[in-house]
Amino acid sequence: FAKNNPEKQARYRRAADLKFKFNMTKDQYEAMVIAQSGKCALCGTDDPGRTKLTGKWKAGHWNIDHDHKTGHVRGLLCHTCNVRLGAYERLMNEVGEEKVKQYLLTKHFLE
């Protein structure tokens, strides 16, 4: 039984998360991996990065990128792109895209 097998328990938990969070089956997830040629939709790496599945950091699975407002799944990302995109989206929501652009194009103090 999965209770005595942490790896099996992690697989069950992953399948439940896919269904609950994204209304997606494991087969649909695998089809996305194939459709993206096993690469991150943003940076194109074939390394999904790390994830904490059983209490230890291990080679991970692709992160499912989705619109937090609509729940619409956009694609699969590596760990690094997923974290960066989430931070970028929060920044855009907090200060706005135009302000970020202006900041990046402005000459700064030590130039």
PDB file of N, CA and C in Angstrom:
ATOM      1  N   PHE A   1       0.839  -1.191   0.000  1.00  0.00           N
ATOM      2  CA  PHE A   1       0.000   0.000   0.000  1.00  0.00           C
ATOM      3  C   PHE A   1       0.875   1.243   0.000  1.00  0.00           C
ATOM      4  N   ALA A   2       0.374   2.319  -0.534  1.00  0.00           N
ATOM      5  CA  ALA A   2       1.148   3.552  -0.703  1.00  0.00           C
ATOM      6  C   ALA A   2       1.641   4.132   0.625  1.00  0.00           C
ATOM      7  N   LYS A   3       0.926   3.855   1.701  1.00  0.00           N
ATOM      8  CA  LYS A   3       1.301   4.420   3.006  1.00  0.00           C
ATOM      9  C   LYS A   3       2.718   4.015   3.419  1.00  0.00           C
ATOM     10  N   ASN A   4       3.126   2.817   3.048  1.00  0.00           N
ATOM     11  CA  ASN A   4       4.454   2.315   3.393  1.00  0.00           C
ATOM     12  C   ASN A   4       5.480   2.546   2.289  1.00  0.00           C
ATOM     13  N   ASN A   5       5.085   3.199   1.214  1.00  0.00           N
ATOM     14  CA  ASN A   5       5.962   3.420   0.081  1.00  0.00           C
ATOM     15  C   ASN A   5       5.929   4.910  -0.290  1.00  0.00           C
ATOM     16  N   PRO A   6       6.909   5.697   0.177  1.00  0.00           N
ATOM     17  CA  PRO A   6       6.898   7.144  -0.076  1.00  0.00           C
ATOM     18  C   PRO A   6       6.872   7.517  -1.552  1.00  0.00           C
ATOM     19  N   GLU A   7       7.561   6.753  -2.385  1.00  0.00           N
ATOM     20  CA  GLU A   7       7.570   7.057  -3.817  1.00  0.00           C
ATOM     21  C   GLU A   7       6.175   6.864  -4.426  1.00  0.00           C
ATOM     22  N   LYS A   8       5.527   5.768  -4.059  1.00  0.00           N
ATOM     23  CA  LYS A   8       4.178   5.493  -4.560  1.00  0.00           C
ATOM     24  C   LYS A   8       3.195   6.541  -4.026  1.00  0.00           C
ATOM     25  N   GLN A   9       3.369   6.903  -2.768  1.00  0.00           N
ATOM     26  CA  GLN A   9       2.518   7.925  -2.164  1.00  0.00           C
ATOM     27  C   GLN A   9       2.672   9.254  -2.898  1.00  0.00           C
ATOM     28  N   ALA A  10       3.901   9.597  -3.271  1.00  0.00           N
ATOM     29  CA  ALA A  10       4.154  10.835  -4.015  1.00  0.00           C
ATOM     30  C   ALA A  10       3.463  10.802  -5.374  1.00  0.00           C
ATOM     31  N   ARG A  11       3.479   9.649  -6.049  1.00  0.00           N
ATOM     32  CA  ARG A  11       2.802   9.528  -7.353  1.00  0.00           C
ATOM     33  C   ARG A  11       1.296   9.706  -7.203  1.00  0.00           C
ATOM     34  N   TYR A  12       0.715   9.099  -6.177  1.00  0.00           N
ATOM     35  CA  TYR A  12      -0.723   9.267  -5.928  1.00  0.00           C
ATOM     36  C   TYR A  12      -1.047  10.729  -5.627  1.00  0.00           C
ATOM     37  N   ARG A  13      -0.210  11.353  -4.825  1.00  0.00           N
ATOM     38  CA  ARG A  13      -0.422  12.756  -4.469  1.00  0.00           C
ATOM     39  C   ARG A  13      -0.339  13.632  -5.713  1.00  0.00           C
ATOM     40  N   ARG A  14       0.634  13.333  -6.599  1.00  0.00           N
ATOM     41  CA  ARG A  14       0.790  14.095  -7.838  1.00  0.00           C
ATOM     42  C   ARG A  14      -0.458  13.949  -8.711  1.00  0.00           C
ATOM     43  N   ALA A  15      -0.959  12.735  -8.851  1.00  0.00           N
ATOM     44  CA  ALA A  15      -2.163  12.503  -9.661  1.00  0.00           C
ATOM     45  C   ALA A  15      -3.354  13.250  -9.073  1.00  0.00           C
ATOM     46  N   ALA A  16      -3.482  13.243  -7.751  1.00  0.00           N
ATOM     47  CA  ALA A  16      -4.581  13.956  -7.094  1.00  0.00           C
ATOM     48  C   ALA A  16      -4.435  15.457  -7.296  1.00  0.00           C
ATOM     49  N   ASP A  17      -3.203  15.971  -7.191  1.00  0.00           N
ATOM     50  CA  ASP A  17      -2.960  17.398  -7.417  1.00  0.00           C
ATOM     51  C   ASP A  17      -3.318  17.797  -8.846  1.00  0.00           C
ATOM     52  N   LEU A  18      -2.922  16.977  -9.819  1.00  0.00           N
ATOM     53  CA  LEU A  18      -3.246  17.272 -11.208  1.00  0.00           C
ATOM     54  C   LEU A  18      -4.758  17.414 -11.386  1.00  0.00           C
ATOM     55  N   LYS A  19      -5.488  16.464 -10.818  1.00  0.00           N
ATOM     56  CA  LYS A  19      -6.947  16.476 -10.967  1.00  0.00           C
ATOM     57  C   LYS A  19      -7.579  17.645 -10.216  1.00  0.00           C
ATOM     58  N   PHE A  20      -7.162  17.845  -8.959  1.00  0.00           N
ATOM     59  CA  PHE A  20      -7.785  18.870  -8.124  1.00  0.00           C
ATOM     60  C   PHE A  20      -7.410  20.284  -8.563  1.00  0.00           C
ATOM     61  N   LYS A  21      -6.124  20.533  -8.792  1.00  0.00           N
ATOM     62  CA  LYS A  21      -5.665  21.887  -9.103  1.00  0.00           C
ATOM     63  C   LYS A  21      -5.901  22.296 -10.551  1.00  0.00           C
ATOM     64  N   PHE A  22      -5.790  21.329 -11.477  1.00  0.00           N
ATOM     65  CA  PHE A  22      -5.810  21.686 -12.895  1.00  0.00           C
ATOM     66  C   PHE A  22      -6.864  20.940 -13.707  1.00  0.00           C
ATOM     67  N   ASN A  23      -7.651  20.064 -13.051  1.00  0.00           N
ATOM     68  CA  ASN A  23      -8.638  19.227 -13.733  1.00  0.00           C
ATOM     69  C   ASN A  23      -7.988  18.483 -14.906  1.00  0.00           C
ATOM     70  N   MET A  24      -6.825  17.898 -14.625  1.00  0.00           N
ATOM     71  CA  MET A  24      -6.011  17.249 -15.639  1.00  0.00           C
ATOM     72  C   MET A  24      -5.664  15.833 -15.187  1.00  0.00           C
ATOM     73  N   THR A  25      -5.637  14.923 -16.139  1.00  0.00           N
ATOM     74  CA  THR A  25      -5.214  13.558 -15.829  1.00  0.00           C
ATOM     75  C   THR A  25      -3.709  13.421 -16.076  1.00  0.00           C
ATOM     76  N   LYS A  26      -3.153  12.338 -15.576  1.00  0.00           N
ATOM     77  CA  LYS A  26      -1.737  12.050 -15.820  1.00  0.00           C
ATOM     78  C   LYS A  26      -1.483  11.882 -17.314  1.00  0.00           C
ATOM     79  N   ASP A  27      -2.424  11.267 -18.019  1.00  0.00           N
ATOM     80  CA  ASP A  27      -2.278  11.100 -19.477  1.00  0.00           C
ATOM     81  C   ASP A  27      -2.260  12.456 -20.191  1.00  0.00           C
ATOM     82  N   GLN A  28      -3.091  13.386 -19.760  1.00  0.00           N
ATOM     83  CA  GLN A  28      -3.095  14.720 -20.366  1.00  0.00           C
ATOM     84  C   GLN A  28      -1.774  15.445 -20.098  1.00  0.00           C
ATOM     85  N   TYR A  29      -1.273  15.291 -18.882  1.00  0.00           N
ATOM     86  CA  TYR A  29       0.024  15.881 -18.533  1.00  0.00           C
ATOM     87  C   TYR A  29       1.115  15.306 -19.429  1.00  0.00           C
ATOM     88  N   GLU A  30       1.138  13.992 -19.560  1.00  0.00           N
ATOM     89  CA  GLU A  30       2.146  13.336 -20.406  1.00  0.00           C
ATOM     90  C   GLU A  30       2.011  13.780 -21.863  1.00  0.00           C
ATOM     91  N   ALA A  31       0.787  13.987 -22.329  1.00  0.00           N
ATOM     92  CA  ALA A  31       0.579  14.470 -23.696  1.00  0.00           C
ATOM     93  C   ALA A  31       1.157  15.875 -23.865  1.00  0.00           C
ATOM     94  N   MET A  32       1.058  16.701 -22.833  1.00  0.00           N
ATOM     95  CA  MET A  32       1.653  18.041 -22.893  1.00  0.00           C
ATOM     96  C   MET A  32       3.172  17.954 -22.961  1.00  0.00           C
ATOM     97  N   VAL A  33       3.741  17.054 -22.176  1.00  0.00           N
ATOM     98  CA  VAL A  33       5.198  16.867 -22.196  1.00  0.00           C
ATOM     99  C   VAL A  33       5.635  16.494 -23.615  1.00  0.00           C
ATOM    100  N   ILE A  34       4.924  15.576 -24.236  1.00  0.00           N
ATOM    101  CA  ILE A  34       5.251  15.144 -25.599  1.00  0.00           C
ATOM    102  C   ILE A  34       5.060  16.296 -26.587  1.00  0.00           C
ATOM    103  N   ALA A  35       3.952  17.034 -26.455  1.00  0.00           N
ATOM    104  CA  ALA A  35       3.677  18.154 -27.362  1.00  0.00           C
ATOM    105  C   ALA A  35       4.761  19.230 -27.276  1.00  0.00           C
ATOM    106  N   GLN A  36       5.367  19.374 -26.106  1.00  0.00           N
ATOM    107  CA  GLN A  36       6.443  20.362 -25.915  1.00  0.00           C
ATOM    108  C   GLN A  36       7.820  19.730 -26.118  1.00  0.00           C
ATOM    109  N   SER A  37       7.853  18.536 -26.644  1.00  0.00           N
ATOM    110  CA  SER A  37       9.110  17.808 -26.905  1.00  0.00           C
ATOM    111  C   SER A  37       9.970  17.672 -25.660  1.00  0.00           C
ATOM    112  N   GLY A  38       9.318  17.566 -24.495  1.00  0.00           N
ATOM    113  CA  GLY A  38      10.054  17.404 -23.248  1.00  0.00           C
ATOM    114  C   GLY A  38      10.895  18.608 -22.882  1.00  0.00           C
ATOM    115  N   LYS A  39      10.425  19.798 -23.269  1.00  0.00           N
ATOM    116  CA  LYS A  39      11.184  21.029 -23.005  1.00  0.00           C
ATOM    117  C   LYS A  39      10.291  22.086 -22.359  1.00  0.00           C
ATOM    118  N   CYS A  40      10.936  22.988 -21.634  1.00  0.00           N
ATOM    119  CA  CYS A  40      10.236  24.117 -21.017  1.00  0.00           C
ATOM    120  C   CYS A  40       9.648  25.007 -22.110  1.00  0.00           C
ATOM    121  N   ALA A  41       8.402  25.427 -21.937  1.00  0.00           N
ATOM    122  CA  ALA A  41       7.731  26.268 -22.927  1.00  0.00           C
ATOM    123  C   ALA A  41       8.365  27.649 -23.048  1.00  0.00           C
ATOM    124  N   LEU A  42       9.106  28.100 -22.039  1.00  0.00           N
ATOM    125  CA  LEU A  42       9.737  29.419 -22.111  1.00  0.00           C
ATOM    126  C   LEU A  42      11.200  29.358 -22.540  1.00  0.00           C
ATOM    127  N   CYS A  43      12.041  28.697 -21.776  1.00  0.00           N
ATOM    128  CA  CYS A  43      13.483  28.741 -22.047  1.00  0.00           C
ATOM    129  C   CYS A  43      13.975  27.588 -22.913  1.00  0.00           C
ATOM    130  N   GLY A  44      13.183  26.535 -23.060  1.00  0.00           N
ATOM    131  CA  GLY A  44      13.546  25.430 -23.926  1.00  0.00           C
ATOM    132  C   GLY A  44      14.461  24.380 -23.314  1.00  0.00           C
ATOM    133  N   THR A  45      14.756  24.489 -22.011  1.00  0.00           N
ATOM    134  CA  THR A  45      15.602  23.475 -21.390  1.00  0.00           C
ATOM    135  C   THR A  45      14.879  22.136 -21.351  1.00  0.00           C
ATOM    136  N   ASP A  46      15.665  21.068 -21.327  1.00  0.00           N
ATOM    137  CA  ASP A  46      15.059  19.743 -21.185  1.00  0.00           C
ATOM    138  C   ASP A  46      15.165  19.248 -19.739  1.00  0.00           C
ATOM    139  N   ASP A  47      15.578  20.126 -18.836  1.00  0.00           N
ATOM    140  CA  ASP A  47      15.709  19.804 -17.413  1.00  0.00           C
ATOM    141  C   ASP A  47      14.603  20.507 -16.632  1.00  0.00           C
ATOM    142  N   PRO A  48      13.657  19.765 -16.074  1.00  0.00           N
ATOM    143  CA  PRO A  48      12.557  20.418 -15.347  1.00  0.00           C
ATOM    144  C   PRO A  48      12.988  21.085 -14.051  1.00  0.00           C
ATOM    145  N   GLY A  49      14.184  20.790 -13.598  1.00  0.00           N
ATOM    146  CA  GLY A  49      14.655  21.396 -12.357  1.00  0.00           C
ATOM    147  C   GLY A  49      14.368  20.497 -11.180  1.00  0.00           C
ATOM    148  N   ARG A  50      14.339  21.102 -10.018  1.00  0.00           N
ATOM    149  CA  ARG A  50      14.178  20.323  -8.792  1.00  0.00           C
ATOM    150  C   ARG A  50      12.789  20.522  -8.209  1.00  0.00           C
ATOM    151  N   THR A  51      12.364  19.528  -7.470  1.00  0.00           N
ATOM    152  CA  THR A  51      11.099  19.628  -6.767  1.00  0.00           C
ATOM    153  C   THR A  51      11.179  18.788  -5.504  1.00  0.00           C
ATOM    154  N   LYS A  52      10.365  19.096  -4.550  1.00  0.00           N
ATOM    155  CA  LYS A  52      10.364  18.372  -3.291  1.00  0.00           C
ATOM    156  C   LYS A  52       9.163  17.437  -3.274  1.00  0.00           C
ATOM    157  N   LEU A  53       9.379  16.192  -3.711  1.00  0.00           N
ATOM    158  CA  LEU A  53       8.268  15.235  -3.801  1.00  0.00           C
ATOM    159  C   LEU A  53       8.116  14.396  -2.534  1.00  0.00           C
ATOM    160  N   THR A  54       9.184  13.995  -1.937  1.00  0.00           N
ATOM    161  CA  THR A  54       9.078  13.076  -0.802  1.00  0.00           C
ATOM    162  C   THR A  54       9.867  13.586   0.404  1.00  0.00           C
ATOM    163  N   GLY A  55       9.938  14.891   0.557  1.00  0.00           N
ATOM    164  CA  GLY A  55      10.678  15.456   1.672  1.00  0.00           C
ATOM    165  C   GLY A  55      12.125  15.736   1.358  1.00  0.00           C
ATOM    166  N   LYS A  56      12.578  15.309   0.187  1.00  0.00           N
ATOM    167  CA  LYS A  56      13.951  15.550  -0.251  1.00  0.00           C
ATOM    168  C   LYS A  56      13.903  16.184  -1.633  1.00  0.00           C
ATOM    169  N   TRP A  57      14.874  17.045  -1.914  1.00  0.00           N
ATOM    170  CA  TRP A  57      14.953  17.635  -3.246  1.00  0.00           C
ATOM    171  C   TRP A  57      15.433  16.569  -4.222  1.00  0.00           C
ATOM    172  N   LYS A  58      14.693  16.391  -5.294  1.00  0.00           N
ATOM    173  CA  LYS A  58      15.022  15.395  -6.316  1.00  0.00           C
ATOM    174  C   LYS A  58      14.803  16.008  -7.685  1.00  0.00           C
ATOM    175  N   ALA A  59      15.269  15.280  -8.691  1.00  0.00           N
ATOM    176  CA  ALA A  59      14.943  15.688 -10.051  1.00  0.00           C
ATOM    177  C   ALA A  59      13.423  15.756 -10.140  1.00  0.00           C
ATOM    178  N   GLY A  60      12.920  16.798 -10.715  1.00  0.00           N
ATOM    179  CA  GLY A  60      11.492  17.062 -10.620  1.00  0.00           C
ATOM    180  C   GLY A  60      10.671  16.763 -11.848  1.00  0.00           C
ATOM    181  N   HIS A  61       9.477  17.263 -11.799  1.00  0.00           N
ATOM    182  CA  HIS A  61       8.525  17.170 -12.893  1.00  0.00           C
ATOM    183  C   HIS A  61       8.322  18.589 -13.422  1.00  0.00           C
ATOM    184  N   TRP A  62       7.744  18.683 -14.584  1.00  0.00           N
ATOM    185  CA  TRP A  62       7.457  19.991 -15.163  1.00  0.00           C
ATOM    186  C   TRP A  62       6.388  20.695 -14.347  1.00  0.00           C
ATOM    187  N   ASN A  63       6.544  21.986 -14.159  1.00  0.00           N
ATOM    188  CA  ASN A  63       5.544  22.796 -13.476  1.00  0.00           C
ATOM    189  C   ASN A  63       4.451  23.162 -14.466  1.00  0.00           C
ATOM    190  N   ILE A  64       3.230  23.093 -14.015  1.00  0.00           N
ATOM    191  CA  ILE A  64       2.098  23.418 -14.871  1.00  0.00           C
ATOM    192  C   ILE A  64       1.799  24.899 -14.697  1.00  0.00           C
ATOM    193  N   ASP A  65       2.093  25.657 -15.735  1.00  0.00           N
ATOM    194  CA  ASP A  65       1.846  27.097 -15.698  1.00  0.00           C
ATOM    195  C   ASP A  65       0.386  27.344 -16.039  1.00  0.00           C
ATOM    196  N   HIS A  66      -0.240  28.181 -15.234  1.00  0.00           N
ATOM    197  CA  HIS A  66      -1.655  28.478 -15.461  1.00  0.00           C
ATOM    198  C   HIS A  66      -1.959  29.908 -15.047  1.00  0.00           C
ATOM    199  N   ASP A  67      -3.018  30.441 -15.614  1.00  0.00           N
ATOM    200  CA  ASP A  67      -3.504  31.763 -15.257  1.00  0.00           C
ATOM    201  C   ASP A  67      -4.226  31.632 -13.922  1.00  0.00           C
ATOM    202  N   HIS A  68      -3.747  32.321 -12.914  1.00  0.00           N
ATOM    203  CA  HIS A  68      -4.331  32.183 -11.579  1.00  0.00           C
ATOM    204  C   HIS A  68      -5.736  32.760 -11.488  1.00  0.00           C
ATOM    205  N   LYS A  69      -6.102  33.639 -12.400  1.00  0.00           N
ATOM    206  CA  LYS A  69      -7.458  34.204 -12.392  1.00  0.00           C
ATOM    207  C   LYS A  69      -8.465  33.252 -13.025  1.00  0.00           C
ATOM    208  N   THR A  70      -8.083  32.647 -14.170  1.00  0.00           N
ATOM    209  CA  THR A  70      -9.033  31.804 -14.906  1.00  0.00           C
ATOM    210  C   THR A  70      -8.811  30.312 -14.691  1.00  0.00           C
ATOM    211  N   GLY A  71      -7.620  29.935 -14.245  1.00  0.00           N
ATOM    212  CA  GLY A  71      -7.288  28.525 -14.103  1.00  0.00           C
ATOM    213  C   GLY A  71      -6.826  27.886 -15.399  1.00  0.00           C
ATOM    214  N   HIS A  72      -6.831  28.641 -16.502  1.00  0.00           N
ATOM    215  CA  HIS A  72      -6.444  28.113 -17.815  1.00  0.00           C
ATOM    216  C   HIS A  72      -4.977  27.695 -17.810  1.00  0.00           C
ATOM    217  N   VAL A  73      -4.720  26.450 -18.223  1.00  0.00           N
ATOM    218  CA  VAL A  73      -3.354  25.938 -18.297  1.00  0.00           C
ATOM    219  C   VAL A  73      -2.705  26.475 -19.570  1.00  0.00           C
ATOM    220  N   ARG A  74      -1.506  27.096 -19.403  1.00  0.00           N
ATOM    221  CA  ARG A  74      -0.799  27.690 -20.537  1.00  0.00           C
ATOM    222  C   ARG A  74       0.290  26.786 -21.088  1.00  0.00           C
ATOM    223  N   GLY A  75       0.932  25.999 -20.230  1.00  0.00           N
ATOM    224  CA  GLY A  75       2.018  25.151 -20.692  1.00  0.00           C
ATOM    225  C   GLY A  75       2.807  24.603 -19.527  1.00  0.00           C
ATOM    226  N   LEU A  76       3.900  23.911 -19.846  1.00  0.00           N
ATOM    227  CA  LEU A  76       4.758  23.324 -18.831  1.00  0.00           C
ATOM    228  C   LEU A  76       6.068  24.096 -18.785  1.00  0.00           C
ATOM    229  N   LEU A  77       6.498  24.432 -17.573  1.00  0.00           N
ATOM    230  CA  LEU A  77       7.714  25.208 -17.375  1.00  0.00           C
ATOM    231  C   LEU A  77       8.683  24.482 -16.466  1.00  0.00           C
ATOM    232  N   CYS A  78       9.971  24.796 -16.626  1.00  0.00           N
ATOM    233  CA  CYS A  78      10.969  24.304 -15.679  1.00  0.00           C
ATOM    234  C   CYS A  78      10.779  25.067 -14.360  1.00  0.00           C
ATOM    235  N   HIS A  79      11.375  24.564 -13.319  1.00  0.00           N
ATOM    236  CA  HIS A  79      11.243  25.185 -11.998  1.00  0.00           C
ATOM    237  C   HIS A  79      11.666  26.653 -12.025  1.00  0.00           C
ATOM    238  N   THR A  80      12.805  26.934 -12.655  1.00  0.00           N
ATOM    239  CA  THR A  80      13.334  28.299 -12.677  1.00  0.00           C
ATOM    240  C   THR A  80      12.385  29.254 -13.388  1.00  0.00           C
ATOM    241  N   CYS A  81      11.912  28.902 -14.573  1.00  0.00           N
ATOM    242  CA  CYS A  81      10.989  29.774 -15.305  1.00  0.00           C
ATOM    243  C   CYS A  81       9.672  29.948 -14.548  1.00  0.00           C
ATOM    244  N   ASN A  82       9.197  28.886 -13.923  1.00  0.00           N
ATOM    245  CA  ASN A  82       7.944  28.971 -13.178  1.00  0.00           C
ATOM    246  C   ASN A  82       8.055  29.972 -12.026  1.00  0.00           C
ATOM    247  N   VAL A  83       9.155  29.914 -11.288  1.00  0.00           N
ATOM    248  CA  VAL A  83       9.360  30.844 -10.171  1.00  0.00           C
ATOM    249  C   VAL A  83       9.503  32.266 -10.694  1.00  0.00           C
ATOM    250  N   ARG A  84      10.300  32.443 -11.731  1.00  0.00           N
ATOM    251  CA  ARG A  84      10.524  33.782 -12.284  1.00  0.00           C
ATOM    252  C   ARG A  84       9.250  34.379 -12.880  1.00  0.00           C
ATOM    253  N   LEU A  85       8.488  33.562 -13.604  1.00  0.00           N
ATOM    254  CA  LEU A  85       7.259  34.057 -14.213  1.00  0.00           C
ATOM    255  C   LEU A  85       6.255  34.464 -13.135  1.00  0.00           C
ATOM    256  N   GLY A  86       6.162  33.682 -12.074  1.00  0.00           N
ATOM    257  CA  GLY A  86       5.264  34.033 -10.980  1.00  0.00           C
ATOM    258  C   GLY A  86       5.645  35.357 -10.351  1.00  0.00           C
ATOM    259  N   ALA A  87       6.944  35.569 -10.134  1.00  0.00           N
ATOM    260  CA  ALA A  87       7.408  36.840  -9.559  1.00  0.00           C
ATOM    261  C   ALA A  87       7.131  37.989 -10.525  1.00  0.00           C
ATOM    262  N   TYR A  88       7.356  37.771 -11.815  1.00  0.00           N
ATOM    263  CA  TYR A  88       7.103  38.794 -12.831  1.00  0.00           C
ATOM    264  C   TYR A  88       5.622  39.173 -12.861  1.00  0.00           C
ATOM    265  N   GLU A  89       4.758  38.173 -12.838  1.00  0.00           N
ATOM    266  CA  GLU A  89       3.320  38.455 -12.863  1.00  0.00           C
ATOM    267  C   GLU A  89       2.885  39.249 -11.633  1.00  0.00           C
ATOM    268  N   ARG A  90       3.424  38.885 -10.466  1.00  0.00           N
ATOM    269  CA  ARG A  90       3.096  39.643  -9.255  1.00  0.00           C
ATOM    270  C   ARG A  90       3.577  41.085  -9.366  1.00  0.00           C
ATOM    271  N   LEU A  91       4.780  41.278  -9.893  1.00  0.00           N
ATOM    272  CA  LEU A  91       5.312  42.628 -10.073  1.00  0.00           C
ATOM    273  C   LEU A  91       4.440  43.432 -11.024  1.00  0.00           C
ATOM    274  N   MET A  92       4.034  42.831 -12.130  1.00  0.00           N
ATOM    275  CA  MET A  92       3.169  43.521 -13.091  1.00  0.00           C
ATOM    276  C   MET A  92       1.845  43.931 -12.436  1.00  0.00           C
ATOM    277  N   ASN A  93       1.289  43.045 -11.625  1.00  0.00           N
ATOM    278  CA  ASN A  93       0.023  43.346 -10.953  1.00  0.00           C
ATOM    279  C   ASN A  93       0.175  44.448  -9.911  1.00  0.00           C
ATOM    280  N   GLU A  94       1.326  44.497  -9.249  1.00  0.00           N
ATOM    281  CA  GLU A  94       1.533  45.469  -8.179  1.00  0.00           C
ATOM    282  C   GLU A  94       1.913  46.851  -8.687  1.00  0.00           C
ATOM    283  N   VAL A  95       2.826  46.949  -9.658  1.00  0.00           N
ATOM    284  CA  VAL A  95       3.296  48.269 -10.089  1.00  0.00           C
ATOM    285  C   VAL A  95       2.941  48.598 -11.536  1.00  0.00           C
ATOM    286  N   GLY A  96       2.608  47.620 -12.326  1.00  0.00           N
ATOM    287  CA  GLY A  96       2.229  47.847 -13.711  1.00  0.00           C
ATOM    288  C   GLY A  96       3.393  47.711 -14.678  1.00  0.00           C
ATOM    289  N   GLU A  97       3.082  47.244 -15.867  1.00  0.00           N
ATOM    290  CA  GLU A  97       4.097  46.983 -16.883  1.00  0.00           C
ATOM    291  C   GLU A  97       4.831  48.255 -17.306  1.00  0.00           C
ATOM    292  N   GLU A  98       4.109  49.327 -17.460  1.00  0.00           N
ATOM    293  CA  GLU A  98       4.742  50.574 -17.908  1.00  0.00           C
ATOM    294  C   GLU A  98       5.778  51.074 -16.908  1.00  0.00           C
ATOM    295  N   LYS A  99       5.483  50.977 -15.640  1.00  0.00           N
ATOM    296  CA  LYS A  99       6.432  51.430 -14.622  1.00  0.00           C
ATOM    297  C   LYS A  99       7.696  50.567 -14.639  1.00  0.00           C
ATOM    298  N   VAL A 100       7.541  49.277 -14.830  1.00  0.00           N
ATOM    299  CA  VAL A 100       8.709  48.389 -14.906  1.00  0.00           C
ATOM    300  C   VAL A 100       9.545  48.750 -16.130  1.00  0.00           C
ATOM    301  N   LYS A 101       8.917  48.969 -17.281  1.00  0.00           N
ATOM    302  CA  LYS A 101       9.640  49.347 -18.495  1.00  0.00           C
ATOM    303  C   LYS A 101      10.396  50.657 -18.285  1.00  0.00           C
ATOM    304  N   GLN A 102       9.729  51.651 -17.719  1.00  0.00           N
ATOM    305  CA  GLN A 102      10.369  52.940 -17.464  1.00  0.00           C
ATOM    306  C   GLN A 102      11.585  52.763 -16.559  1.00  0.00           C
ATOM    307  N   TYR A 103      11.439  51.981 -15.534  1.00  0.00           N
ATOM    308  CA  TYR A 103      12.539  51.756 -14.604  1.00  0.00           C
ATOM    309  C   TYR A 103      13.740  51.129 -15.313  1.00  0.00           C
ATOM    310  N   LEU A 104      13.489  50.123 -16.137  1.00  0.00           N
ATOM    311  CA  LEU A 104      14.577  49.433 -16.823  1.00  0.00           C
ATOM    312  C   LEU A 104      15.271  50.317 -17.866  1.00  0.00           C
ATOM    313  N   LEU A 105      14.546  51.269 -18.435  1.00  0.00           N
ATOM    314  CA  LEU A 105      15.116  52.138 -19.464  1.00  0.00           C
ATOM    315  C   LEU A 105      15.711  53.429 -18.913  1.00  0.00           C
ATOM    316  N   THR A 106      15.543  53.698 -17.629  1.00  0.00           N
ATOM    317  CA  THR A 106      16.030  54.915 -17.007  1.00  0.00           C
ATOM    318  C   THR A 106      17.504  54.797 -16.648  1.00  0.00           C
ATOM    319  N   LYS A 107      18.248  55.878 -16.861  1.00  0.00           N
ATOM    320  CA  LYS A 107      19.637  55.884 -16.388  1.00  0.00           C
ATOM    321  C   LYS A 107      19.604  55.931 -14.877  1.00  0.00           C
ATOM    322  N   HIS A 108      20.478  55.181 -14.268  1.00  0.00           N
ATOM    323  CA  HIS A 108      20.459  55.063 -12.820  1.00  0.00           C
ATOM    324  C   HIS A 108      21.631  55.771 -12.171  1.00  0.00           C
ATOM    325  N   PHE A 109      21.607  55.852 -10.917  1.00  0.00           N
ATOM    326  CA  PHE A 109      22.500  56.643 -10.082  1.00  0.00           C
ATOM    327  C   PHE A 109      23.983  56.460 -10.390  1.00  0.00           C
ATOM    328  N   LEU A 110      24.459  55.257 -10.545  1.00  0.00           N
ATOM    329  CA  LEU A 110      25.893  55.036 -10.679  1.00  0.00           C
ATOM    330  C   LEU A 110      26.374  54.864 -12.121  1.00  0.00           C
ATOM    331  N   GLU A 111      25.648  55.407 -13.050  1.00  0.00           N
ATOM    332  CA  GLU A 111      26.094  55.290 -14.454  1.00  0.00           C
ATOM    333  C   GLU A 111      27.017  56.434 -14.797  1.00  0.00           C
TER     334      GLU A 111
END
